[in-house]
Amino acid sequence: MLNQKSIPYFSKLKTFFENIDKNKLFIILLSIIVVFAALVRFYKLDQLPMGYNLDEAGMAYDSWALANWRVNRNMMHLPVYLPNTGGGQSVLYAYLSAGLIFIFGMSKFIIRTPAVIFGLMTIIFASLITKEALGKKAGLISAFMIAIMPYFIMASRLGFDCNLFLGMSTLSIYLTIVAIKKQKFPFWILAGLSWGVTLYTYILSYIAIPIFITLTIIYLLIIKKINWRQTLVFGLAILALAWPLIILIIINHFDLPPVYSRFFYIPKLTIWRAGELSGVNFFERLIDLPKTLFIIPDQDTEAFITSHGTMYNFTPIFIITGTIMFCIQGFKSLRKKKFSTNVLLTFWVIAMLVLVFTLDDIMNYRLNAFYFVLAYGLVFILTWLANKFLKHWQNLFYIFVVIIFLFSFSSFAHSYFVKQPLAGFPSLHFGDTFSEPLSYLDDWLNDRGYSSSDFQIYLDEKYIYYYLGALTPPQEVDLTKDQMREVNYQNFHFEWLPENNTEGLPYVPSKINTEDIFIIKNNRSSYIEKLINYGFTPIYQNLRYTIYLDEHNFLPIPGQQN
């Protein structure tokens, strides 16, 4: 019978795969995967995605302010939650960035570094969880998949606060598994503290984590893998970090004043995001879910519309099938009152599905913590297929899988790192800091004997982009009264969205002064046409913005030219 032994070199290959079961080789191979993933994620990190997402820019400015003055843009001293543009933003990312800024200085590379670190955390702890459930080979395949899949790469290259939810929840699930196996108080404390930190990654974790913890504790009490003292210690460890957020919820739900303290600030938000929760049509949401998770990357946050899908286009059927299979296995273990990692991962799927069917709208960044268990579902079914039908050809099967994914990754990498820069900015929700156009404008005016401070300059972007680029100290701007927007600063006028402006277009005065200067997005065709009709001409253009002014009003001043 033809098998691996009858083919040359397979005896050596078989020995290699068998050696994976030894911890030393597992650690070496996992380290190689993590290093490769780090290179992919750090490569051109300050260039791709181009510019800043709006929330990323807000977080970056708040981080810089916290690093220098321990206040955010609204002059709140060490807030436990950032107001951002009114609806709020979780603080863990901002404080991590602030620490890096304090040490290394301000740069886009530094701002995005925490995203990379937590992306690598996802790889490591997802691999360890999979190893606990399915073995070392499956653990390595899990690490490999997460290292090269588009969603995990893109989410690790954007300074977006909520994306830390994925890395921290994966770590917390792993530490919970360790605590269950070790049955010692220090491990329960560590797991509890980890879940407490996870609450500071994303406001939607306030829903998912209590559901997961409640189901897990009930399950562990039933199968006698935790006692009441351990439960108390675990709960107190979570509460030790969670209590400021509990106060935050109470303040905003009952419309109470903010809490000031020497050590922290608990804000009253202008928009309380409980409004994002609402009843939905179950079947419509069920149909939309696969499209959201696998096919349609969110343009606002992922910074790249990819034809490859979030986890490659050929995987969804395997992922969905594998996820259903491990959940069924989890329910079987639950019924038999046996401990299984699959039970905990099933509980996490349930927590994520509660979000899916209660949110007013689903986008993949909101469901970022779902992606680890989806990757696990893919590895689960691949392992099941190998064990069920390819017992004598498992190693060849795994090699074939790796090759297929490497081909897919090479195609994605070419699109992301080579083609994307040629396409320009990924979406309207990405902007830049105006540093380049304003620097050019200063030089252009100085050459003619003028100063930019003598003219009214209209910037087609929200205020935060200018403040971030100019590194304007928060003490110099008044953002304490209006958290939503700032319209003017000195001679600059920022994007303004009046109530009757439903198209989100920038503020342009009804009577245009031809001595004013406009730096406007390249796709604003109606406003560009309006400016041209007034005699404005472009003097500078990059991938995002064009400077328009009336050159007749900026003729060189004799004797004052530089």
Protein backbone atom coordinates (compact mmCIF):
# COMPACT_ATOMS: atom_id res chain seq x y z
CA MET A 1 0.00 0.00 0.00
CA LEU A 2 1.29 3.46 -0.92
CA ASN A 3 1.99 5.55 2.13
CA GLN A 4 4.48 8.09 3.39
CA LYS A 5 7.09 5.43 4.20
CA SER A 6 7.25 4.31 0.57
CA ILE A 7 8.17 7.81 -0.64
CA PRO A 8 11.79 9.04 -0.28
CA TYR A 9 12.53 11.65 2.39
CA PHE A 10 9.20 11.12 4.16
CA SER A 11 10.85 9.27 7.00
CA LYS A 12 12.85 12.41 7.78
CA LEU A 13 9.78 14.59 7.33
CA LYS A 14 7.79 12.34 9.64
CA THR A 15 10.52 12.57 12.26
CA PHE A 16 10.45 16.37 11.98
CA PHE A 17 6.68 16.54 12.54
CA GLU A 18 6.86 14.10 15.43
CA ASN A 19 9.50 16.29 17.04
CA ILE A 20 7.04 19.19 17.03
CA ASP A 21 5.43 17.43 19.95
CA LYS A 22 8.54 18.30 21.92
CA ASN A 23 8.16 21.66 23.64
CA LYS A 24 11.55 23.01 22.55
CA LEU A 25 10.83 22.69 18.83
CA PHE A 26 7.30 24.04 19.34
CA ILE A 27 8.69 27.16 21.00
CA ILE A 28 11.31 27.63 18.25
CA LEU A 29 8.75 27.34 15.45
CA LEU A 30 6.26 29.59 17.25
CA SER A 31 9.02 32.17 17.73
CA ILE A 32 9.83 32.07 14.00
CA ILE A 33 6.17 32.66 13.14
CA VAL A 34 5.94 35.56 15.60
CA VAL A 35 9.10 37.19 14.23
CA PHE A 36 7.77 36.86 10.69
CA ALA A 37 4.43 38.35 11.77
CA ALA A 38 6.24 41.23 13.48
CA LEU A 39 8.18 42.02 10.30
CA VAL A 40 4.95 42.09 8.28
CA ARG A 41 3.22 44.32 10.81
CA PHE A 42 6.08 46.77 11.39
CA TYR A 43 6.92 47.11 7.68
CA LYS A 44 5.97 50.63 6.51
CA LEU A 45 3.89 51.01 9.66
CA ASP A 46 4.16 54.81 9.54
CA GLN A 47 3.14 54.88 5.86
CA LEU A 48 0.31 52.34 5.60
CA PRO A 49 -2.49 53.02 6.23
CA MET A 50 -1.99 56.52 4.85
CA GLY A 51 -2.93 59.35 7.15
CA TYR A 52 -4.95 58.76 10.31
CA ASN A 53 -8.39 57.40 10.97
CA LEU A 54 -10.44 60.06 12.80
CA ASP A 55 -10.56 58.06 16.05
CA GLU A 56 -6.89 57.18 15.65
CA ALA A 57 -6.00 60.87 15.32
CA GLY A 58 -8.05 61.73 18.41
CA MET A 59 -6.41 58.97 20.43
CA ALA A 60 -2.96 60.05 19.22
CA TYR A 61 -3.50 63.66 20.32
CA ASP A 62 -4.90 62.57 23.69
CA SER A 63 -1.90 60.24 24.15
CA TRP A 64 0.52 63.07 23.44
CA ALA A 65 -1.30 65.33 25.93
CA LEU A 66 -1.32 62.58 28.57
CA ALA A 67 2.40 61.93 28.04
CA ASN A 68 3.24 65.59 28.61
CA TRP A 69 0.63 66.95 31.03
CA ARG A 70 -1.38 63.93 32.25
CA VAL A 71 -4.53 65.46 30.75
CA ASN A 72 -6.48 64.75 27.58
CA ARG A 73 -7.60 67.33 25.00
CA ASN A 74 -10.51 68.34 27.29
CA MET A 75 -8.12 69.03 30.21
CA MET A 76 -9.40 66.00 32.14
CA HIS A 77 -6.78 64.70 34.55
CA LEU A 78 -6.04 60.99 33.94
CA PRO A 79 -9.53 60.09 32.65
CA VAL A 80 -10.72 56.48 32.89
CA TYR A 81 -12.57 56.96 29.60
CA LEU A 82 -11.83 59.42 26.80
CA PRO A 83 -14.72 61.59 25.52
CA ASN A 84 -13.07 61.78 22.06
CA THR A 85 -15.72 63.35 19.77
CA GLY A 86 -18.51 62.89 22.30
CA GLY A 87 -19.36 59.19 22.27
CA GLY A 88 -16.18 58.14 23.99
CA GLN A 89 -13.11 56.00 23.49
CA SER A 90 -11.53 53.38 25.75
CA VAL A 91 -8.30 54.40 27.43
CA LEU A 92 -5.94 51.42 27.42
CA TYR A 93 -4.52 52.20 23.98
CA ALA A 94 -4.05 55.88 24.83
CA TYR A 95 -2.13 55.17 28.04
CA LEU A 96 0.10 52.60 26.33
CA SER A 97 0.82 55.11 23.56
CA ALA A 98 1.44 57.85 26.12
CA GLY A 99 4.08 55.71 27.80
CA LEU A 100 5.84 55.07 24.49
CA ILE A 101 5.62 58.76 23.54
CA PHE A 102 7.14 59.74 26.88
CA ILE A 103 10.10 57.42 26.21
CA PHE A 104 10.60 57.64 22.44
CA GLY A 105 8.83 60.82 21.39
CA MET A 106 5.83 61.44 19.16
CA SER A 107 5.52 59.72 15.78
CA LYS A 108 2.95 57.75 13.81
CA PHE A 109 5.16 54.66 14.15
CA ILE A 110 5.04 54.94 17.95
CA ILE A 111 1.29 55.59 17.93
CA ARG A 112 0.67 52.36 16.01
CA THR A 113 3.17 50.21 17.91
CA PRO A 114 0.70 49.06 20.63
CA ALA A 115 -1.54 47.68 17.87
CA VAL A 116 1.35 45.58 16.59
CA ILE A 117 2.27 44.35 20.06
CA PHE A 118 -1.29 43.26 20.83
CA GLY A 119 -1.57 41.68 17.40
CA LEU A 120 1.47 39.55 18.24
CA MET A 121 -0.10 38.75 21.62
CA THR A 122 -3.11 37.38 19.76
CA ILE A 123 -0.85 35.05 17.77
CA ILE A 124 0.99 33.77 20.84
CA PHE A 125 -1.97 33.16 23.14
CA ALA A 126 -4.28 31.89 20.40
CA SER A 127 -1.57 29.35 19.61
CA LEU A 128 -1.28 28.33 23.27
CA ILE A 129 -5.06 27.96 23.63
CA THR A 130 -5.23 25.86 20.46
CA LYS A 131 -2.31 23.77 21.69
CA GLU A 132 -4.21 23.06 24.93
CA ALA A 133 -7.29 21.96 22.99
CA LEU A 134 -5.97 20.31 19.83
CA GLY A 135 -2.25 19.69 20.27
CA LYS A 136 1.03 21.36 19.33
CA LYS A 137 0.73 21.00 15.55
CA ALA A 138 -2.67 22.67 15.63
CA GLY A 139 -1.23 25.39 17.86
CA LEU A 140 1.43 26.18 15.26
CA ILE A 141 -1.10 26.18 12.43
CA SER A 142 -3.24 28.59 14.44
CA ALA A 143 -0.27 30.94 14.89
CA PHE A 144 0.55 30.69 11.18
CA MET A 145 -3.04 31.46 10.11
CA ILE A 146 -3.36 34.51 12.34
CA ALA A 147 0.08 35.75 11.26
CA ILE A 148 -0.89 35.97 7.58
CA MET A 149 -4.65 36.55 7.43
CA PRO A 150 -5.69 40.01 6.12
CA TYR A 151 -7.92 41.00 9.03
CA PHE A 152 -5.31 40.28 11.70
CA ILE A 153 -2.63 42.13 9.72
CA MET A 154 -4.75 45.21 9.04
CA ALA A 155 -6.11 45.40 12.59
CA SER A 156 -2.51 45.31 13.88
CA ARG A 157 -1.47 48.29 11.75
CA LEU A 158 -4.02 50.84 12.93
CA GLY A 159 -4.01 52.81 16.18
CA PHE A 160 -7.62 51.99 16.94
CA ASP A 161 -8.50 51.58 20.62
CA CYS A 162 -11.07 48.79 20.30
CA ASN A 163 -8.74 46.46 18.38
CA LEU A 164 -6.91 45.74 21.66
CA PHE A 165 -10.04 43.85 22.72
CA LEU A 166 -8.95 40.95 20.49
CA GLY A 167 -5.48 40.59 22.00
CA MET A 168 -6.54 41.12 25.62
CA SER A 169 -9.53 38.76 25.43
CA THR A 170 -7.32 36.04 23.93
CA LEU A 171 -4.80 36.51 26.74
CA SER A 172 -7.56 36.51 29.36
CA ILE A 173 -9.14 33.31 28.04
CA TYR A 174 -5.73 31.62 28.13
CA LEU A 175 -5.04 32.77 31.71
CA THR A 176 -8.49 31.50 32.72
CA ILE A 177 -7.62 28.08 31.28
CA VAL A 178 -4.31 28.13 33.19
CA ALA A 179 -6.11 29.05 36.43
CA ILE A 180 -8.55 26.17 35.96
CA LYS A 181 -5.69 23.71 35.44
CA LYS A 182 -3.44 25.04 38.23
CA GLN A 183 -6.25 25.48 40.80
CA LYS A 184 -4.21 28.01 42.78
CA PHE A 185 -5.25 31.47 44.01
CA PRO A 186 -2.42 33.47 42.33
CA PHE A 187 -3.53 32.20 38.91
CA TRP A 188 -7.15 33.16 39.59
CA ILE A 189 -6.01 36.62 40.66
CA LEU A 190 -3.92 36.98 37.51
CA ALA A 191 -6.81 35.87 35.30
CA GLY A 192 -9.19 38.26 37.06
CA LEU A 193 -6.81 41.20 36.68
CA SER A 194 -6.41 40.37 33.00
CA TRP A 195 -10.17 40.50 32.47
CA GLY A 196 -10.24 43.77 34.40
CA VAL A 197 -7.68 45.27 32.03
CA THR A 198 -9.65 43.92 29.05
CA LEU A 199 -12.60 46.08 30.11
CA TYR A 200 -10.47 49.14 29.27
CA THR A 201 -10.03 48.07 25.64
CA TYR A 202 -13.55 48.59 24.29
CA ILE A 203 -16.92 49.64 25.68
CA LEU A 204 -18.64 46.61 24.10
CA SER A 205 -16.53 44.41 26.36
CA TYR A 206 -18.84 45.61 29.16
CA ILE A 207 -21.45 43.28 27.64
CA ALA A 208 -19.36 40.38 26.34
CA ILE A 209 -17.14 39.84 29.39
CA PRO A 210 -19.91 39.58 32.05
CA ILE A 211 -21.74 37.06 29.84
CA PHE A 212 -18.60 34.95 29.38
CA ILE A 213 -17.57 35.16 33.05
CA THR A 214 -21.07 34.27 34.29
CA LEU A 215 -21.37 31.24 32.01
CA THR A 216 -17.84 30.11 32.86
CA ILE A 217 -18.27 30.38 36.63
CA ILE A 218 -21.58 28.48 36.57
CA TYR A 219 -20.00 25.76 34.42
CA LEU A 220 -16.91 25.46 36.62
CA LEU A 221 -18.99 25.32 39.81
CA ILE A 222 -21.12 22.53 38.32
CA ILE A 223 -18.11 20.42 37.31
CA LYS A 224 -16.30 21.36 40.55
CA LYS A 225 -13.31 23.00 38.86
CA ILE A 226 -13.68 26.11 41.03
CA ASN A 227 -14.85 26.61 44.60
CA TRP A 228 -16.60 29.58 46.16
CA ARG A 229 -13.39 31.02 47.63
CA GLN A 230 -11.69 30.91 44.25
CA THR A 231 -14.78 32.46 42.68
CA LEU A 232 -14.65 35.30 45.21
CA VAL A 233 -10.94 35.93 44.62
CA PHE A 234 -11.45 35.85 40.85
CA GLY A 235 -14.39 38.26 41.06
CA LEU A 236 -12.61 40.67 43.42
CA ALA A 237 -9.60 40.77 41.10
CA ILE A 238 -11.87 41.84 38.24
CA LEU A 239 -13.70 44.34 40.45
CA ALA A 240 -10.40 45.86 41.63
CA LEU A 241 -9.93 47.29 38.14
CA ALA A 242 -13.53 47.48 36.95
CA TRP A 243 -15.08 49.71 39.62
CA PRO A 244 -14.24 53.07 37.94
CA LEU A 245 -16.00 51.83 34.81
CA ILE A 246 -19.02 50.80 36.88
CA ILE A 247 -19.19 54.38 38.17
CA LEU A 248 -18.80 55.61 34.57
CA ILE A 249 -21.86 53.57 33.56
CA ILE A 250 -23.89 54.85 36.52
CA ILE A 251 -22.95 58.49 35.84
CA ASN A 252 -23.91 58.36 32.20
CA HIS A 253 -26.97 56.14 32.52
CA PHE A 254 -28.54 58.26 35.27
CA ASP A 255 -27.27 61.61 33.94
CA LEU A 256 -25.13 62.38 36.99
CA PRO A 257 -22.22 64.85 37.17
CA PRO A 258 -18.65 63.67 36.49
CA VAL A 259 -16.35 62.54 39.28
CA TYR A 260 -13.19 64.56 39.88
CA SER A 261 -10.28 63.07 41.79
CA ARG A 262 -6.63 63.72 42.41
CA PHE A 263 -5.88 60.37 40.80
CA PHE A 264 -8.42 60.09 37.98
CA TYR A 265 -11.40 61.65 36.24
CA ILE A 266 -14.66 59.84 35.41
CA PRO A 267 -16.38 61.84 32.66
CA LYS A 268 -19.98 62.62 31.80
CA LEU A 269 -20.21 62.04 28.04
CA THR A 270 -22.25 64.15 25.64
CA ILE A 271 -23.31 60.95 23.85
CA TRP A 272 -23.88 57.79 25.89
CA ARG A 273 -23.35 54.80 23.63
CA ALA A 274 -26.04 52.64 25.19
CA GLY A 275 -28.07 53.90 22.24
CA GLU A 276 -26.05 51.57 20.03
CA LEU A 277 -27.98 48.67 21.56
CA SER A 278 -31.36 47.92 20.06
CA GLY A 279 -33.56 45.09 18.90
CA VAL A 280 -32.83 43.72 15.43
CA ASN A 281 -34.45 41.35 12.98
CA PHE A 282 -32.87 38.00 13.85
CA PHE A 283 -32.91 36.50 10.37
CA GLU A 284 -31.72 39.67 8.61
CA ARG A 285 -28.81 39.97 11.04
CA LEU A 286 -27.99 36.27 10.61
CA ILE A 287 -27.74 36.81 6.85
CA ASP A 288 -25.65 39.97 7.25
CA LEU A 289 -23.21 38.41 9.72
CA PRO A 290 -21.09 36.31 7.30
CA LYS A 291 -20.82 39.25 4.89
CA THR A 292 -19.64 41.51 7.70
CA LEU A 293 -17.15 39.03 9.12
CA PHE A 294 -15.68 37.61 5.93
CA ILE A 295 -16.44 39.66 2.84
CA ILE A 296 -16.84 43.36 3.54
CA PRO A 297 -13.94 45.00 5.39
CA ASP A 298 -15.09 48.15 7.16
CA GLN A 299 -13.80 51.10 5.14
CA ASP A 300 -13.67 53.44 8.11
CA THR A 301 -11.31 51.37 10.22
CA GLU A 302 -9.56 48.70 8.21
CA ALA A 303 -8.05 51.27 5.89
CA PHE A 304 -8.09 48.96 2.91
CA ILE A 305 -10.86 47.44 0.83
CA THR A 306 -9.43 44.06 -0.08
CA SER A 307 -10.71 41.62 -2.66
CA HIS A 308 -9.08 38.85 -0.62
CA GLY A 309 -11.68 38.90 2.15
CA THR A 310 -10.90 39.32 5.82
CA MET A 311 -9.68 35.72 6.25
CA TYR A 312 -9.26 34.81 2.54
CA ASN A 313 -12.25 34.11 0.36
CA PHE A 314 -12.00 30.31 0.34
CA THR A 315 -12.14 29.92 4.14
CA PRO A 316 -15.65 31.00 5.32
CA ILE A 317 -17.36 27.66 4.68
CA PHE A 318 -14.62 25.87 6.63
CA ILE A 319 -14.63 28.48 9.41
CA ILE A 320 -18.40 28.36 9.89
CA THR A 321 -18.47 24.55 9.80
CA GLY A 322 -15.51 24.25 12.18
CA THR A 323 -17.01 26.78 14.60
CA ILE A 324 -20.32 24.91 14.68
CA MET A 325 -18.45 21.63 15.20
CA PHE A 326 -16.38 22.78 18.17
CA CYS A 327 -19.46 24.42 19.73
CA ILE A 328 -21.33 21.11 19.40
CA GLN A 329 -18.38 19.35 21.01
CA GLY A 330 -18.39 22.01 23.72
CA PHE A 331 -22.08 21.43 24.47
CA LYS A 332 -21.44 17.67 24.63
CA SER A 333 -18.69 18.22 27.22
CA LEU A 334 -21.02 20.57 29.08
CA ARG A 335 -23.75 17.92 29.18
CA LYS A 336 -21.27 15.29 30.39
CA LYS A 337 -19.99 17.73 33.04
CA LYS A 338 -16.43 17.42 31.79
CA PHE A 339 -13.93 20.23 31.45
CA SER A 340 -13.02 21.14 27.89
CA THR A 341 -11.37 24.19 26.38
CA ASN A 342 -14.06 23.97 23.71
CA VAL A 343 -16.68 24.81 26.32
CA LEU A 344 -14.97 28.11 27.19
CA LEU A 345 -14.57 28.98 23.52
CA THR A 346 -18.25 28.15 22.98
CA PHE A 347 -19.12 30.58 25.77
CA TRP A 348 -17.04 33.24 23.99
CA VAL A 349 -18.94 32.57 20.76
CA ILE A 350 -22.20 33.02 22.69
CA ALA A 351 -20.95 36.33 24.15
CA MET A 352 -20.02 37.55 20.67
CA LEU A 353 -23.38 36.48 19.24
CA VAL A 354 -25.17 38.46 21.94
CA LEU A 355 -23.35 41.53 20.61
CA VAL A 356 -24.29 40.59 17.05
CA PHE A 357 -28.00 40.46 17.84
CA THR A 358 -28.18 43.50 20.15
CA LEU A 359 -26.07 46.12 18.34
CA ASP A 360 -27.89 48.59 16.11
CA ASP A 361 -25.31 47.94 13.41
CA ILE A 362 -22.50 45.42 13.03
CA MET A 363 -19.08 46.17 11.58
CA ASN A 364 -16.05 43.94 11.78
CA TYR A 365 -14.14 46.31 14.06
CA ARG A 366 -16.98 46.08 16.58
CA LEU A 367 -16.72 42.29 16.47
CA ASN A 368 -12.90 42.16 16.49
CA ALA A 369 -12.78 39.79 19.48
CA PHE A 370 -14.77 37.27 17.41
CA TYR A 371 -11.89 36.65 15.03
CA PHE A 372 -9.76 34.46 17.31
CA VAL A 373 -12.51 31.86 17.74
CA LEU A 374 -13.19 32.02 14.00
CA ALA A 375 -9.53 31.22 13.33
CA TYR A 376 -9.80 28.45 15.92
CA GLY A 377 -12.84 27.08 14.07
CA LEU A 378 -10.77 26.87 10.89
CA VAL A 379 -7.93 25.03 12.64
CA PHE A 380 -10.46 22.76 14.35
CA ILE A 381 -11.97 21.52 11.09
CA LEU A 382 -8.56 21.15 9.42
CA THR A 383 -7.39 19.03 12.35
CA TRP A 384 -10.61 17.01 12.25
CA LEU A 385 -10.23 16.36 8.51
CA ALA A 386 -6.60 15.30 8.98
CA ASN A 387 -7.46 12.90 11.80
CA LYS A 388 -10.63 11.52 10.22
CA PHE A 389 -9.72 11.02 6.57
CA LEU A 390 -5.99 11.57 6.17
CA LYS A 391 -4.49 9.66 9.07
CA HIS A 392 -1.56 8.41 6.96
CA TRP A 393 -1.16 11.67 5.06
CA GLN A 394 -1.52 14.28 7.79
CA ASN A 395 1.90 15.82 7.30
CA LEU A 396 1.42 16.18 3.55
CA PHE A 397 -2.00 17.69 4.18
CA TYR A 398 -0.59 20.30 6.57
CA ILE A 399 2.17 21.18 4.08
CA PHE A 400 -0.46 21.59 1.36
CA VAL A 401 -2.52 23.89 3.62
CA VAL A 402 0.54 26.01 4.42
CA ILE A 403 1.42 26.37 0.72
CA ILE A 404 -2.13 27.41 -0.20
CA PHE A 405 -2.16 30.07 2.51
CA LEU A 406 1.31 31.32 1.57
CA PHE A 407 0.15 31.85 -2.01
CA SER A 408 -2.90 33.74 -0.74
CA PHE A 409 -0.75 35.82 1.58
CA SER A 410 1.70 36.74 -1.19
CA SER A 411 -1.20 38.01 -3.32
CA PHE A 412 -2.64 40.00 -0.41
CA ALA A 413 0.76 41.42 0.56
CA HIS A 414 1.34 42.64 -3.00
CA SER A 415 -2.07 44.33 -3.01
CA TYR A 416 -1.63 45.89 0.42
CA PHE A 417 1.98 47.03 0.31
CA VAL A 418 2.43 47.71 -3.42
CA LYS A 419 -0.92 48.51 -5.02
CA GLN A 420 -2.56 50.36 -2.13
CA PRO A 421 -0.05 53.25 -1.97
CA LEU A 422 -0.78 53.97 -5.63
CA ALA A 423 -4.53 54.18 -4.93
CA GLY A 424 -4.27 57.01 -2.41
CA PHE A 425 -6.30 57.42 0.75
CA PRO A 426 -8.53 54.45 1.58
CA SER A 427 -11.69 56.29 2.64
CA LEU A 428 -13.23 59.63 3.54
CA HIS A 429 -12.82 58.78 7.21
CA PHE A 430 -9.05 59.00 6.95
CA GLY A 431 -7.38 62.38 7.02
CA ASP A 432 -3.92 63.80 7.50
CA THR A 433 -2.33 66.43 9.68
CA PHE A 434 -1.87 69.18 7.05
CA SER A 435 1.82 69.35 7.96
CA GLU A 436 2.98 69.05 4.34
CA PRO A 437 0.50 71.46 2.69
CA LEU A 438 0.86 74.04 5.46
CA SER A 439 4.66 73.85 5.28
CA TYR A 440 4.47 74.35 1.51
CA LEU A 441 2.03 77.24 1.97
CA ASP A 442 4.32 78.96 4.48
CA ASP A 443 7.25 78.76 2.07
CA TRP A 444 5.12 79.87 -0.89
CA LEU A 445 3.83 82.93 0.98
CA ASN A 446 7.23 83.80 2.46
CA ASP A 447 8.75 83.78 -1.02
CA ARG A 448 6.26 86.52 -1.92
CA GLY A 449 6.72 88.54 1.25
CA TYR A 450 3.61 87.34 3.11
CA SER A 451 2.93 85.45 6.34
CA SER A 452 0.31 82.72 6.59
CA SER A 453 -0.88 84.17 9.91
CA ASP A 454 -2.25 87.21 8.04
CA PHE A 455 -4.85 85.17 6.11
CA GLN A 456 -7.93 83.14 6.92
CA ILE A 457 -7.22 79.48 6.12
CA TYR A 458 -10.02 76.94 5.73
CA LEU A 459 -9.06 73.31 6.39
CA ASP A 460 -11.35 70.60 5.07
CA GLU A 461 -10.95 68.33 8.10
CA LYS A 462 -11.88 68.16 11.75
CA TYR A 463 -9.85 70.20 14.22
CA ILE A 464 -8.03 67.21 15.67
CA TYR A 465 -5.93 66.70 12.53
CA TYR A 466 -4.50 70.22 12.74
CA TYR A 467 -3.84 70.02 16.48
CA LEU A 468 -2.12 66.66 16.05
CA GLY A 469 0.11 67.92 13.25
CA ALA A 470 0.97 71.19 14.97
CA LEU A 471 1.18 69.52 18.41
CA THR A 472 -0.86 72.36 19.86
CA PRO A 473 -0.91 72.13 23.69
CA PRO A 474 -4.42 71.44 25.02
CA GLN A 475 -4.08 74.46 27.32
CA GLU A 476 -4.09 76.74 24.26
CA VAL A 477 -7.40 75.53 22.85
CA ASP A 478 -10.82 75.57 24.44
CA LEU A 479 -12.25 72.09 24.12
CA THR A 480 -13.75 71.92 27.60
CA LYS A 481 -17.11 73.35 26.54
CA ASP A 482 -17.73 71.49 23.28
CA GLN A 483 -16.38 67.97 23.06
CA MET A 484 -17.87 67.42 19.63
CA ARG A 485 -15.91 69.90 17.52
CA GLU A 486 -13.92 73.08 17.45
CA VAL A 487 -14.66 75.35 14.47
CA ASN A 488 -11.97 78.01 14.72
CA TYR A 489 -8.46 78.36 16.09
CA GLN A 490 -6.52 81.57 15.48
CA ASN A 491 -6.78 82.13 11.70
CA PHE A 492 -7.74 78.52 10.95
CA HIS A 493 -11.29 77.33 10.27
CA PHE A 494 -12.00 73.61 10.55
CA GLU A 495 -14.67 71.35 9.13
CA TRP A 496 -18.07 72.41 10.33
CA LEU A 497 -21.20 70.24 10.21
CA PRO A 498 -24.31 72.41 10.73
CA GLU A 499 -27.59 70.67 11.51
CA ASN A 500 -28.95 71.17 7.99
CA ASN A 501 -25.80 69.75 6.40
CA THR A 502 -26.72 66.10 5.87
CA GLU A 503 -23.92 65.36 3.41
CA GLY A 504 -21.05 65.95 5.83
CA LEU A 505 -19.51 68.63 3.63
CA PRO A 506 -16.96 71.15 4.88
CA TYR A 507 -17.75 74.68 5.94
CA VAL A 508 -17.38 77.22 3.14
CA PRO A 509 -18.58 80.77 3.83
CA SER A 510 -21.63 81.83 1.82
CA LYS A 511 -19.68 84.81 0.49
CA ILE A 512 -16.18 83.69 -0.39
CA ASN A 513 -13.39 86.18 0.24
CA THR A 514 -10.80 85.89 -2.51
CA GLU A 515 -8.06 86.72 0.00
CA ASP A 516 -8.83 83.53 1.94
CA ILE A 517 -7.00 80.23 1.44
CA PHE A 518 -8.63 76.81 1.18
CA ILE A 519 -6.98 73.43 1.73
CA ILE A 520 -9.63 71.04 0.51
CA LYS A 521 -9.99 67.30 -0.14
CA ASN A 522 -9.38 66.32 -3.73
CA ASN A 523 -12.80 64.67 -4.13
CA ARG A 524 -14.88 67.76 -3.21
CA SER A 525 -15.86 68.39 -6.82
CA SER A 526 -18.78 70.75 -6.09
CA TYR A 527 -16.74 72.99 -3.80
CA ILE A 528 -13.71 72.87 -6.06
CA GLU A 529 -15.91 74.04 -8.94
CA LYS A 530 -17.26 76.82 -6.74
CA LEU A 531 -13.76 77.99 -5.84
CA ILE A 532 -12.60 77.89 -9.46
CA ASN A 533 -15.60 80.02 -10.44
CA TYR A 534 -14.40 82.62 -7.93
CA GLY A 535 -10.99 82.68 -9.62
CA PHE A 536 -9.13 80.32 -7.28
CA THR A 537 -6.35 78.14 -8.67
CA PRO A 538 -4.44 75.19 -7.18
CA ILE A 539 -0.84 75.81 -6.09
CA TYR A 540 -0.15 72.47 -4.39
CA GLN A 541 -1.63 68.98 -4.40
CA ASN A 542 -0.84 65.70 -2.67
CA LEU A 543 -2.80 62.44 -2.52
CA ARG A 544 -5.35 63.91 -0.11
CA TYR A 545 -5.52 67.72 -0.31
CA THR A 546 -5.14 70.65 -2.70
CA ILE A 547 -4.38 74.27 -1.78
CA TYR A 548 -6.62 76.77 -3.57
CA LEU A 549 -6.13 80.53 -3.55
CA ASP A 550 -6.53 83.52 -5.85
CA GLU A 551 -2.99 84.21 -7.02
CA HIS A 552 -3.95 87.75 -8.08
CA ASN A 553 -4.18 88.65 -4.38
CA PHE A 554 -0.76 87.20 -3.58
CA LEU A 555 1.50 89.01 -6.00
CA PRO A 556 5.10 89.35 -4.77
CA ILE A 557 5.71 92.42 -2.59
CA PRO A 558 8.72 94.33 -3.94
CA GLY A 559 11.62 94.35 -1.52
CA GLN A 560 10.03 91.80 0.86
CA GLN A 561 10.54 88.60 -1.11
CA ASN A 562 12.69 85.88 0.44
